[in-house]
Amino acid sequence: MSCGEPHETDCSEVLDHLYEFLDHEMPDSDCTKFEVHFEECSPCLEKYGLEQAVKKLVKRCCGHDDVPSDLRSKVMGRIDLIRSGQAVPDQDVVAEAQLPTAASE
């Protein structure tokens, strides 16, 4: 997706990191680059607006469900592994969290 115009920050970079921008999980300097890009590129701005609307809808409809603490800690552990560049095992985190542990048997 691109408007066909050259940008300082490439459209693919913006779209690859769109959720980090939406979730305020990137440095301020990168946020500023993205904001400048959105001012210049209407297709990316449109995609940003769509993803922002979906995120708000999901929060409104599903934001009240409690997440089991063990599932949350396993998911956060996976996120930390990915961010650090380590290999992530191909296990289903949700299924893994639902398995009974030896302590609960």
PDB file of N, CA and C in Angstrom:
ATOM      1  N   MET A   1       0.852  -1.165   0.000  1.00  0.00           N
ATOM      2  CA  MET A   1       0.000   0.000   0.000  1.00  0.00           C
ATOM      3  C   MET A   1       0.897   1.226   0.000  1.00  0.00           C
ATOM      4  N   SER A   2       0.621   2.128  -0.884  1.00  0.00           N
ATOM      5  CA  SER A   2       1.390   3.353  -0.958  1.00  0.00           C
ATOM      6  C   SER A   2       0.626   4.346  -1.816  1.00  0.00           C
ATOM      7  N   CYS A   3       0.896   5.611  -1.576  1.00  0.00           N
ATOM      8  CA  CYS A   3       0.278   6.645  -2.389  1.00  0.00           C
ATOM      9  C   CYS A   3       1.089   6.903  -3.652  1.00  0.00           C
ATOM     10  N   GLY A   4       2.225   6.238  -3.774  1.00  0.00           N
ATOM     11  CA  GLY A   4       3.079   6.408  -4.939  1.00  0.00           C
ATOM     12  C   GLY A   4       4.109   7.517  -4.791  1.00  0.00           C
ATOM     13  N   GLU A   5       4.055   8.237  -3.714  1.00  0.00           N
ATOM     14  CA  GLU A   5       5.008   9.323  -3.463  1.00  0.00           C
ATOM     15  C   GLU A   5       6.139   8.811  -2.572  1.00  0.00           C
ATOM     16  N   PRO A   6       7.338   9.343  -2.759  1.00  0.00           N
ATOM     17  CA  PRO A   6       8.435   8.945  -1.868  1.00  0.00           C
ATOM     18  C   PRO A   6       8.252   9.568  -0.478  1.00  0.00           C
ATOM     19  N   HIS A   7       8.595   8.800   0.541  1.00  0.00           N
ATOM     20  CA  HIS A   7       8.475   9.262   1.925  1.00  0.00           C
ATOM     21  C   HIS A   7       9.782   8.978   2.650  1.00  0.00           C
ATOM     22  N   GLU A   8      10.051   9.763   3.667  1.00  0.00           N
ATOM     23  CA  GLU A   8      11.239   9.511   4.494  1.00  0.00           C
ATOM     24  C   GLU A   8      11.131   8.150   5.173  1.00  0.00           C
ATOM     25  N   THR A   9       9.929   7.806   5.645  1.00  0.00           N
ATOM     26  CA  THR A   9       9.669   6.505   6.254  1.00  0.00           C
ATOM     27  C   THR A   9       8.809   5.719   5.278  1.00  0.00           C
ATOM     28  N   ASP A  10       9.295   4.564   4.861  1.00  0.00           N
ATOM     29  CA  ASP A  10       8.614   3.751   3.863  1.00  0.00           C
ATOM     30  C   ASP A  10       7.269   3.230   4.386  1.00  0.00           C
ATOM     31  N   CYS A  11       6.302   3.126   3.491  1.00  0.00           N
ATOM     32  CA  CYS A  11       4.968   2.633   3.859  1.00  0.00           C
ATOM     33  C   CYS A  11       5.040   1.253   4.491  1.00  0.00           C
ATOM     34  N   SER A  12       5.886   0.388   3.967  1.00  0.00           N
ATOM     35  CA  SER A  12       5.969  -0.973   4.515  1.00  0.00           C
ATOM     36  C   SER A  12       6.431  -0.959   5.964  1.00  0.00           C
ATOM     37  N   GLU A  13       7.353  -0.061   6.299  1.00  0.00           N
ATOM     38  CA  GLU A  13       7.803   0.051   7.690  1.00  0.00           C
ATOM     39  C   GLU A  13       6.661   0.525   8.584  1.00  0.00           C
ATOM     40  N   VAL A  14       5.906   1.486   8.117  1.00  0.00           N
ATOM     41  CA  VAL A  14       4.787   2.014   8.893  1.00  0.00           C
ATOM     42  C   VAL A  14       3.751   0.919   9.134  1.00  0.00           C
ATOM     43  N   LEU A  15       3.413   0.180   8.087  1.00  0.00           N
ATOM     44  CA  LEU A  15       2.385  -0.847   8.216  1.00  0.00           C
ATOM     45  C   LEU A  15       2.875  -2.032   9.040  1.00  0.00           C
ATOM     46  N   ASP A  16       4.166  -2.353   8.955  1.00  0.00           N
ATOM     47  CA  ASP A  16       4.724  -3.455   9.750  1.00  0.00           C
ATOM     48  C   ASP A  16       4.698  -3.153  11.247  1.00  0.00           C
ATOM     49  N   HIS A  17       4.738  -1.880  11.599  1.00  0.00           N
ATOM     50  CA  HIS A  17       4.813  -1.492  13.011  1.00  0.00           C
ATOM     51  C   HIS A  17       3.585  -0.694  13.457  1.00  0.00           C
ATOM     52  N   LEU A  18       2.497  -0.826  12.720  1.00  0.00           N
ATOM     53  CA  LEU A  18       1.300  -0.038  12.998  1.00  0.00           C
ATOM     54  C   LEU A  18       0.738  -0.301  14.386  1.00  0.00           C
ATOM     55  N   TYR A  19       0.710  -1.572  14.806  1.00  0.00           N
ATOM     56  CA  TYR A  19       0.137  -1.872  16.123  1.00  0.00           C
ATOM     57  C   TYR A  19       1.038  -1.385  17.256  1.00  0.00           C
ATOM     58  N   GLU A  20       2.331  -1.372  17.032  1.00  0.00           N
ATOM     59  CA  GLU A  20       3.221  -0.789  18.044  1.00  0.00           C
ATOM     60  C   GLU A  20       2.909   0.695  18.204  1.00  0.00           C
ATOM     61  N   PHE A  21       2.634   1.365  17.093  1.00  0.00           N
ATOM     62  CA  PHE A  21       2.263   2.782  17.140  1.00  0.00           C
ATOM     63  C   PHE A  21       0.925   2.955  17.855  1.00  0.00           C
ATOM     64  N   LEU A  22      -0.058   2.145  17.465  1.00  0.00           N
ATOM     65  CA  LEU A  22      -1.388   2.243  18.077  1.00  0.00           C
ATOM     66  C   LEU A  22      -1.357   1.966  19.574  1.00  0.00           C
ATOM     67  N   ASP A  23      -0.490   1.049  19.984  1.00  0.00           N
ATOM     68  CA  ASP A  23      -0.413   0.654  21.390  1.00  0.00           C
ATOM     69  C   ASP A  23       0.579   1.487  22.194  1.00  0.00           C
ATOM     70  N   HIS A  24       1.154   2.512  21.571  1.00  0.00           N
ATOM     71  CA  HIS A  24       2.128   3.398  22.228  1.00  0.00           C
ATOM     72  C   HIS A  24       3.311   2.593  22.777  1.00  0.00           C
ATOM     73  N   GLU A  25       3.803   1.662  21.963  1.00  0.00           N
ATOM     74  CA  GLU A  25       4.904   0.794  22.370  1.00  0.00           C
ATOM     75  C   GLU A  25       6.171   1.059  21.571  1.00  0.00           C
ATOM     76  N   MET A  26       6.337   2.291  21.108  1.00  0.00           N
ATOM     77  CA  MET A  26       7.545   2.632  20.365  1.00  0.00           C
ATOM     78  C   MET A  26       8.095   3.956  20.863  1.00  0.00           C
ATOM     79  N   PRO A  27       9.381   4.173  20.628  1.00  0.00           N
ATOM     80  CA  PRO A  27       9.993   5.431  21.084  1.00  0.00           C
ATOM     81  C   PRO A  27       9.308   6.649  20.455  1.00  0.00           C
ATOM     82  N   ASP A  28       9.364   7.760  21.167  1.00  0.00           N
ATOM     83  CA  ASP A  28       8.741   8.996  20.683  1.00  0.00           C
ATOM     84  C   ASP A  28       9.265   9.414  19.315  1.00  0.00           C
ATOM     85  N   SER A  29      10.563   9.192  19.069  1.00  0.00           N
ATOM     86  CA  SER A  29      11.138   9.598  17.781  1.00  0.00           C
ATOM     87  C   SER A  29      10.494   8.814  16.635  1.00  0.00           C
ATOM     88  N   ASP A  30      10.223   7.528  16.858  1.00  0.00           N
ATOM     89  CA  ASP A  30       9.552   6.729  15.831  1.00  0.00           C
ATOM     90  C   ASP A  30       8.099   7.160  15.672  1.00  0.00           C
ATOM     91  N   CYS A  31       7.442   7.486  16.774  1.00  0.00           N
ATOM     92  CA  CYS A  31       6.059   7.969  16.706  1.00  0.00           C
ATOM     93  C   CYS A  31       5.982   9.231  15.856  1.00  0.00           C
ATOM     94  N   THR A  32       6.924  10.105  16.044  1.00  0.00           N
ATOM     95  CA  THR A  32       6.957  11.346  15.273  1.00  0.00           C
ATOM     96  C   THR A  32       7.117  11.051  13.786  1.00  0.00           C
ATOM     97  N   LYS A  33       8.000  10.106  13.437  1.00  0.00           N
ATOM     98  CA  LYS A  33       8.180   9.719  12.032  1.00  0.00           C
ATOM     99  C   LYS A  33       6.880   9.173  11.451  1.00  0.00           C
ATOM    100  N   PHE A  34       6.172   8.385  12.227  1.00  0.00           N
ATOM    101  CA  PHE A  34       4.924   7.814  11.752  1.00  0.00           C
ATOM    102  C   PHE A  34       3.866   8.897  11.573  1.00  0.00           C
ATOM    103  N   GLU A  35       3.792   9.829  12.501  1.00  0.00           N
ATOM    104  CA  GLU A  35       2.810  10.915  12.394  1.00  0.00           C
ATOM    105  C   GLU A  35       3.065  11.753  11.143  1.00  0.00           C
ATOM    106  N   VAL A  36       4.334  12.024  10.857  1.00  0.00           N
ATOM    107  CA  VAL A  36       4.684  12.767   9.640  1.00  0.00           C
ATOM    108  C   VAL A  36       4.253  11.961   8.417  1.00  0.00           C
ATOM    109  N   HIS A  37       4.507  10.658   8.457  1.00  0.00           N
ATOM    110  CA  HIS A  37       4.126   9.803   7.334  1.00  0.00           C
ATOM    111  C   HIS A  37       2.611   9.837   7.110  1.00  0.00           C
ATOM    112  N   PHE A  38       1.829   9.750   8.185  1.00  0.00           N
ATOM    113  CA  PHE A  38       0.374   9.774   8.047  1.00  0.00           C
ATOM    114  C   PHE A  38      -0.115  11.090   7.449  1.00  0.00           C
ATOM    115  N   GLU A  39       0.571  12.190   7.751  1.00  0.00           N
ATOM    116  CA  GLU A  39       0.198  13.484   7.175  1.00  0.00           C
ATOM    117  C   GLU A  39       0.441  13.511   5.668  1.00  0.00           C
ATOM    118  N   GLU A  40       1.430  12.728   5.206  1.00  0.00           N
ATOM    119  CA  GLU A  40       1.809  12.724   3.789  1.00  0.00           C
ATOM    120  C   GLU A  40       1.123  11.634   2.976  1.00  0.00           C
ATOM    121  N   CYS A  41       0.684  10.559   3.608  1.00  0.00           N
ATOM    122  CA  CYS A  41       0.257   9.361   2.889  1.00  0.00           C
ATOM    123  C   CYS A  41      -1.169   8.973   3.273  1.00  0.00           C
ATOM    124  N   SER A  42      -2.119   9.295   2.424  1.00  0.00           N
ATOM    125  CA  SER A  42      -3.516   9.015   2.751  1.00  0.00           C
ATOM    126  C   SER A  42      -3.844   7.519   2.812  1.00  0.00           C
ATOM    127  N   PRO A  43      -3.256   6.631   1.983  1.00  0.00           N
ATOM    128  CA  PRO A  43      -3.559   5.200   2.153  1.00  0.00           C
ATOM    129  C   PRO A  43      -3.130   4.666   3.520  1.00  0.00           C
ATOM    130  N   CYS A  44      -1.973   5.075   4.002  1.00  0.00           N
ATOM    131  CA  CYS A  44      -1.528   4.629   5.324  1.00  0.00           C
ATOM    132  C   CYS A  44      -2.374   5.250   6.428  1.00  0.00           C
ATOM    133  N   LEU A  45      -2.771   6.490   6.245  1.00  0.00           N
ATOM    134  CA  LEU A  45      -3.650   7.145   7.217  1.00  0.00           C
ATOM    135  C   LEU A  45      -4.994   6.414   7.279  1.00  0.00           C
ATOM    136  N   GLU A  46      -5.494   6.002   6.125  1.00  0.00           N
ATOM    137  CA  GLU A  46      -6.753   5.264   6.086  1.00  0.00           C
ATOM    138  C   GLU A  46      -6.610   3.921   6.808  1.00  0.00           C
ATOM    139  N   LYS A  47      -5.513   3.212   6.569  1.00  0.00           N
ATOM    140  CA  LYS A  47      -5.270   1.934   7.242  1.00  0.00           C
ATOM    141  C   LYS A  47      -5.145   2.149   8.750  1.00  0.00           C
ATOM    142  N   TYR A  48      -4.461   3.199   9.155  1.00  0.00           N
ATOM    143  CA  TYR A  48      -4.334   3.544  10.577  1.00  0.00           C
ATOM    144  C   TYR A  48      -5.713   3.772  11.194  1.00  0.00           C
ATOM    145  N   GLY A  49      -6.553   4.532  10.507  1.00  0.00           N
ATOM    146  CA  GLY A  49      -7.890   4.819  11.016  1.00  0.00           C
ATOM    147  C   GLY A  49      -8.735   3.563  11.139  1.00  0.00           C
ATOM    148  N   LEU A  50      -8.628   2.676  10.167  1.00  0.00           N
ATOM    149  CA  LEU A  50      -9.370   1.421  10.206  1.00  0.00           C
ATOM    150  C   LEU A  50      -8.916   0.553  11.369  1.00  0.00           C
ATOM    151  N   GLU A  51      -7.610   0.389  11.530  1.00  0.00           N
ATOM    152  CA  GLU A  51      -7.084  -0.443  12.617  1.00  0.00           C
ATOM    153  C   GLU A  51      -7.409   0.159  13.980  1.00  0.00           C
ATOM    154  N   GLN A  52      -7.391   1.480  14.069  1.00  0.00           N
ATOM    155  CA  GLN A  52      -7.743   2.162  15.318  1.00  0.00           C
ATOM    156  C   GLN A  52      -9.212   1.907  15.661  1.00  0.00           C
ATOM    157  N   ALA A  53     -10.074   1.943  14.661  1.00  0.00           N
ATOM    158  CA  ALA A  53     -11.503   1.692  14.878  1.00  0.00           C
ATOM    159  C   ALA A  53     -11.741   0.247  15.311  1.00  0.00           C
ATOM    160  N   VAL A  54     -11.052  -0.700  14.685  1.00  0.00           N
ATOM    161  CA  VAL A  54     -11.186  -2.111  15.066  1.00  0.00           C
ATOM    162  C   VAL A  54     -10.721  -2.315  16.498  1.00  0.00           C
ATOM    163  N   LYS A  55      -9.611  -1.702  16.840  1.00  0.00           N
ATOM    164  CA  LYS A  55      -9.071  -1.819  18.198  1.00  0.00           C
ATOM    165  C   LYS A  55     -10.072  -1.274  19.232  1.00  0.00           C
ATOM    166  N   LYS A  56     -10.693  -0.149  18.945  1.00  0.00           N
ATOM    167  CA  LYS A  56     -11.693   0.423  19.856  1.00  0.00           C
ATOM    168  C   LYS A  56     -12.912  -0.486  19.972  1.00  0.00           C
ATOM    169  N   LEU A  57     -13.347  -1.073  18.846  1.00  0.00           N
ATOM    170  CA  LEU A  57     -14.493  -1.967  18.859  1.00  0.00           C
ATOM    171  C   LEU A  57     -14.205  -3.214  19.697  1.00  0.00           C
ATOM    172  N   VAL A  58     -13.037  -3.801  19.518  1.00  0.00           N
ATOM    173  CA  VAL A  58     -12.662  -4.982  20.294  1.00  0.00           C
ATOM    174  C   VAL A  58     -12.606  -4.637  21.774  1.00  0.00           C
ATOM    175  N   LYS A  59     -12.041  -3.497  22.107  1.00  0.00           N
ATOM    176  CA  LYS A  59     -11.959  -3.094  23.516  1.00  0.00           C
ATOM    177  C   LYS A  59     -13.352  -2.913  24.111  1.00  0.00           C
ATOM    178  N   ARG A  60     -14.229  -2.300  23.346  1.00  0.00           N
ATOM    179  CA  ARG A  60     -15.588  -2.062  23.843  1.00  0.00           C
ATOM    180  C   ARG A  60     -16.361  -3.366  24.020  1.00  0.00           C
ATOM    181  N   CYS A  61     -16.182  -4.295  23.079  1.00  0.00           N
ATOM    182  CA  CYS A  61     -16.950  -5.544  23.109  1.00  0.00           C
ATOM    183  C   CYS A  61     -16.319  -6.635  23.958  1.00  0.00           C
ATOM    184  N   CYS A  62     -15.018  -6.640  24.051  1.00  0.00           N
ATOM    185  CA  CYS A  62     -14.329  -7.763  24.713  1.00  0.00           C
ATOM    186  C   CYS A  62     -13.413  -7.321  25.842  1.00  0.00           C
ATOM    187  N   GLY A  63     -13.391  -6.070  26.142  1.00  0.00           N
ATOM    188  CA  GLY A  63     -12.438  -5.543  27.111  1.00  0.00           C
ATOM    189  C   GLY A  63     -12.736  -5.856  28.557  1.00  0.00           C
ATOM    190  N   HIS A  64     -13.843  -6.549  28.824  1.00  0.00           N
ATOM    191  CA  HIS A  64     -14.227  -6.792  30.208  1.00  0.00           C
ATOM    192  C   HIS A  64     -13.970  -8.224  30.655  1.00  0.00           C
ATOM    193  N   ASP A  65     -13.461  -9.048  29.751  1.00  0.00           N
ATOM    194  CA  ASP A  65     -13.190 -10.439  30.085  1.00  0.00           C
ATOM    195  C   ASP A  65     -11.890 -10.546  30.872  1.00  0.00           C
ATOM    196  N   ASP A  66     -11.926 -11.328  31.947  1.00  0.00           N
ATOM    197  CA  ASP A  66     -10.722 -11.545  32.737  1.00  0.00           C
ATOM    198  C   ASP A  66      -9.864 -12.610  32.064  1.00  0.00           C
ATOM    199  N   VAL A  67      -8.584 -12.368  32.052  1.00  0.00           N
ATOM    200  CA  VAL A  67      -7.626 -13.310  31.486  1.00  0.00           C
ATOM    201  C   VAL A  67      -6.950 -14.032  32.636  1.00  0.00           C
ATOM    202  N   PRO A  68      -6.890 -15.378  32.569  1.00  0.00           N
ATOM    203  CA  PRO A  68      -6.206 -16.106  33.644  1.00  0.00           C
ATOM    204  C   PRO A  68      -4.758 -15.619  33.772  1.00  0.00           C
ATOM    205  N   SER A  69      -4.318 -15.449  35.009  1.00  0.00           N
ATOM    206  CA  SER A  69      -2.980 -14.886  35.235  1.00  0.00           C
ATOM    207  C   SER A  69      -1.879 -15.758  34.653  1.00  0.00           C
ATOM    208  N   ASP A  70      -2.043 -17.094  34.664  1.00  0.00           N
ATOM    209  CA  ASP A  70      -1.001 -17.950  34.100  1.00  0.00           C
ATOM    210  C   ASP A  70      -0.911 -17.785  32.584  1.00  0.00           C
ATOM    211  N   LEU A  71      -2.052 -17.592  31.914  1.00  0.00           N
ATOM    212  CA  LEU A  71      -2.030 -17.352  30.476  1.00  0.00           C
ATOM    213  C   LEU A  71      -1.364 -16.025  30.179  1.00  0.00           C
ATOM    214  N   ARG A  72      -1.715 -15.004  30.952  1.00  0.00           N
ATOM    215  CA  ARG A  72      -1.109 -13.690  30.744  1.00  0.00           C
ATOM    216  C   ARG A  72       0.407 -13.749  30.908  1.00  0.00           C
ATOM    217  N   SER A  73       0.889 -14.428  31.936  1.00  0.00           N
ATOM    218  CA  SER A  73       2.335 -14.490  32.167  1.00  0.00           C
ATOM    219  C   SER A  73       3.035 -15.267  31.053  1.00  0.00           C
ATOM    220  N   LYS A  74       2.398 -16.323  30.531  1.00  0.00           N
ATOM    221  CA  LYS A  74       3.005 -17.084  29.438  1.00  0.00           C
ATOM    222  C   LYS A  74       3.055 -16.263  28.152  1.00  0.00           C
ATOM    223  N   VAL A  75       1.991 -15.530  27.871  1.00  0.00           N
ATOM    224  CA  VAL A  75       1.973 -14.677  26.677  1.00  0.00           C
ATOM    225  C   VAL A  75       3.021 -13.575  26.800  1.00  0.00           C
ATOM    226  N   MET A  76       3.100 -12.944  27.964  1.00  0.00           N
ATOM    227  CA  MET A  76       4.096 -11.890  28.164  1.00  0.00           C
ATOM    228  C   MET A  76       5.514 -12.456  28.056  1.00  0.00           C
ATOM    229  N   GLY A  77       5.710 -13.687  28.530  1.00  0.00           N
ATOM    230  CA  GLY A  77       7.015 -14.330  28.391  1.00  0.00           C
ATOM    231  C   GLY A  77       7.380 -14.537  26.936  1.00  0.00           C
ATOM    232  N   ARG A  78       6.402 -14.941  26.126  1.00  0.00           N
ATOM    233  CA  ARG A  78       6.633 -15.107  24.687  1.00  0.00           C
ATOM    234  C   ARG A  78       6.979 -13.774  24.036  1.00  0.00           C
ATOM    235  N   ILE A  79       6.263 -12.749  24.405  1.00  0.00           N
ATOM    236  CA  ILE A  79       6.526 -11.418  23.841  1.00  0.00           C
ATOM    237  C   ILE A  79       7.945 -10.984  24.187  1.00  0.00           C
ATOM    238  N   ASP A  80       8.367 -11.212  25.425  1.00  0.00           N
ATOM    239  CA  ASP A  80       9.731 -10.856  25.829  1.00  0.00           C
ATOM    240  C   ASP A  80      10.765 -11.627  25.019  1.00  0.00           C
ATOM    241  N   LEU A  81      10.507 -12.921  24.766  1.00  0.00           N
ATOM    242  CA  LEU A  81      11.426 -13.728  23.954  1.00  0.00           C
ATOM    243  C   LEU A  81      11.536 -13.179  22.537  1.00  0.00           C
ATOM    244  N   ILE A  82      10.395 -12.848  21.958  1.00  0.00           N
ATOM    245  CA  ILE A  82      10.390 -12.313  20.595  1.00  0.00           C
ATOM    246  C   ILE A  82      11.128 -10.986  20.532  1.00  0.00           C
ATOM    247  N   ARG A  83      10.878 -10.114  21.480  1.00  0.00           N
ATOM    248  CA  ARG A  83      11.545  -8.810  21.490  1.00  0.00           C
ATOM    249  C   ARG A  83      13.055  -8.940  21.662  1.00  0.00           C
ATOM    250  N   SER A  84      13.485  -9.960  22.402  1.00  0.00           N
ATOM    251  CA  SER A  84      14.923 -10.129  22.622  1.00  0.00           C
ATOM    252  C   SER A  84      15.594 -10.854  21.460  1.00  0.00           C
ATOM    253  N   GLY A  85      14.802 -11.342  20.502  1.00  0.00           N
ATOM    254  CA  GLY A  85      15.363 -12.003  19.336  1.00  0.00           C
ATOM    255  C   GLY A  85      15.644 -13.476  19.544  1.00  0.00           C
ATOM    256  N   GLN A  86      15.209 -14.024  20.661  1.00  0.00           N
ATOM    257  CA  GLN A  86      15.432 -15.441  20.928  1.00  0.00           C
ATOM    258  C   GLN A  86      14.426 -16.292  20.158  1.00  0.00           C
ATOM    259  N   ALA A  87      14.783 -17.561  19.962  1.00  0.00           N
ATOM    260  CA  ALA A  87      13.881 -18.493  19.294  1.00  0.00           C
ATOM    261  C   ALA A  87      12.680 -18.753  20.190  1.00  0.00           C
ATOM    262  N   VAL A  88      11.521 -18.836  19.580  1.00  0.00           N
ATOM    263  CA  VAL A  88      10.295 -19.066  20.326  1.00  0.00           C
ATOM    264  C   VAL A  88       9.782 -20.461  19.981  1.00  0.00           C
ATOM    265  N   PRO A  89       9.545 -21.304  20.982  1.00  0.00           N
ATOM    266  CA  PRO A  89       9.053 -22.652  20.698  1.00  0.00           C
ATOM    267  C   PRO A  89       7.684 -22.618  20.026  1.00  0.00           C
ATOM    268  N   ASP A  90       7.410 -23.615  19.185  1.00  0.00           N
ATOM    269  CA  ASP A  90       6.137 -23.691  18.468  1.00  0.00           C
ATOM    270  C   ASP A  90       5.076 -24.391  19.300  1.00  0.00           C
ATOM    271  N   GLN A  91       4.766 -23.831  20.446  1.00  0.00           N
ATOM    272  CA  GLN A  91       3.732 -24.391  21.307  1.00  0.00           C
ATOM    273  C   GLN A  91       2.547 -23.440  21.315  1.00  0.00           C
ATOM    274  N   ASP A  92       1.382 -24.010  21.496  1.00  0.00           N
ATOM    275  CA  ASP A  92       0.167 -23.214  21.588  1.00  0.00           C
ATOM    276  C   ASP A  92       0.043 -22.705  23.021  1.00  0.00           C
ATOM    277  N   VAL A  93       0.248 -21.419  23.222  1.00  0.00           N
ATOM    278  CA  VAL A  93       0.237 -20.828  24.562  1.00  0.00           C
ATOM    279  C   VAL A  93      -1.110 -21.026  25.239  1.00  0.00           C
ATOM    280  N   VAL A  94      -2.211 -20.894  24.503  1.00  0.00           N
ATOM    281  CA  VAL A  94      -3.540 -21.037  25.092  1.00  0.00           C
ATOM    282  C   VAL A  94      -3.757 -22.477  25.545  1.00  0.00           C
ATOM    283  N   ALA A  95      -3.448 -23.448  24.682  1.00  0.00           N
ATOM    284  CA  ALA A  95      -3.634 -24.855  25.059  1.00  0.00           C
ATOM    285  C   ALA A  95      -2.710 -25.221  26.227  1.00  0.00           C
ATOM    286  N   GLU A  96      -1.505 -24.698  26.196  1.00  0.00           N
ATOM    287  CA  GLU A  96      -0.542 -24.959  27.251  1.00  0.00           C
ATOM    288  C   GLU A  96      -1.051 -24.430  28.602  1.00  0.00           C
ATOM    289  N   ALA A  97      -1.680 -23.277  28.603  1.00  0.00           N
ATOM    290  CA  ALA A  97      -2.191 -22.671  29.832  1.00  0.00           C
ATOM    291  C   ALA A  97      -3.400 -23.432  30.357  1.00  0.00           C
ATOM    292  N   GLN A  98      -4.113 -24.148  29.497  1.00  0.00           N
ATOM    293  CA  GLN A  98      -5.302 -24.863  29.920  1.00  0.00           C
ATOM    294  C   GLN A  98      -5.002 -26.263  30.438  1.00  0.00           C
ATOM    295  N   LEU A  99      -3.776 -26.775  30.188  1.00  0.00           N
ATOM    296  CA  LEU A  99      -3.410 -28.098  30.670  1.00  0.00           C
ATOM    297  C   LEU A  99      -3.304 -28.090  32.182  1.00  0.00           C
ATOM    298  N   PRO A 100      -3.773 -29.154  32.842  1.00  0.00           N
ATOM    299  CA  PRO A 100      -3.620 -29.205  34.301  1.00  0.00           C
ATOM    300  C   PRO A 100      -2.161 -29.381  34.665  1.00  0.00           C
ATOM    301  N   THR A 101      -1.744 -28.724  35.714  1.00  0.00           N
ATOM    302  CA  THR A 101      -0.371 -28.863  36.181  1.00  0.00           C
ATOM    303  C   THR A 101      -0.292 -29.961  37.216  1.00  0.00           C
ATOM    304  N   ALA A 102       0.917 -30.440  37.480  1.00  0.00           N
ATOM    305  CA  ALA A 102       1.107 -31.502  38.455  1.00  0.00           C
ATOM    306  C   ALA A 102       0.611 -31.067  39.839  1.00  0.00           C
ATOM    307  N   ALA A 103       0.735 -29.789  40.148  1.00  0.00           N
ATOM    308  CA  ALA A 103       0.335 -29.282  41.460  1.00  0.00           C
ATOM    309  C   ALA A 103      -1.181 -29.315  41.638  1.00  0.00           C
ATOM    310  N   SER A 104      -1.936 -29.202  40.526  1.00  0.00           N
ATOM    311  CA  SER A 104      -3.389 -29.138  40.643  1.00  0.00           C
ATOM    312  C   SER A 104      -4.052 -30.510  40.523  1.00  0.00           C
ATOM    313  N   GLU A 105      -3.269 -31.571  40.230  1.00  0.00           N
ATOM    314  CA  GLU A 105      -3.842 -32.910  40.080  1.00  0.00           C
ATOM    315  C   GLU A 105      -4.031 -33.579  41.399  1.00  0.00           C
TER     316      GLU A 105
END
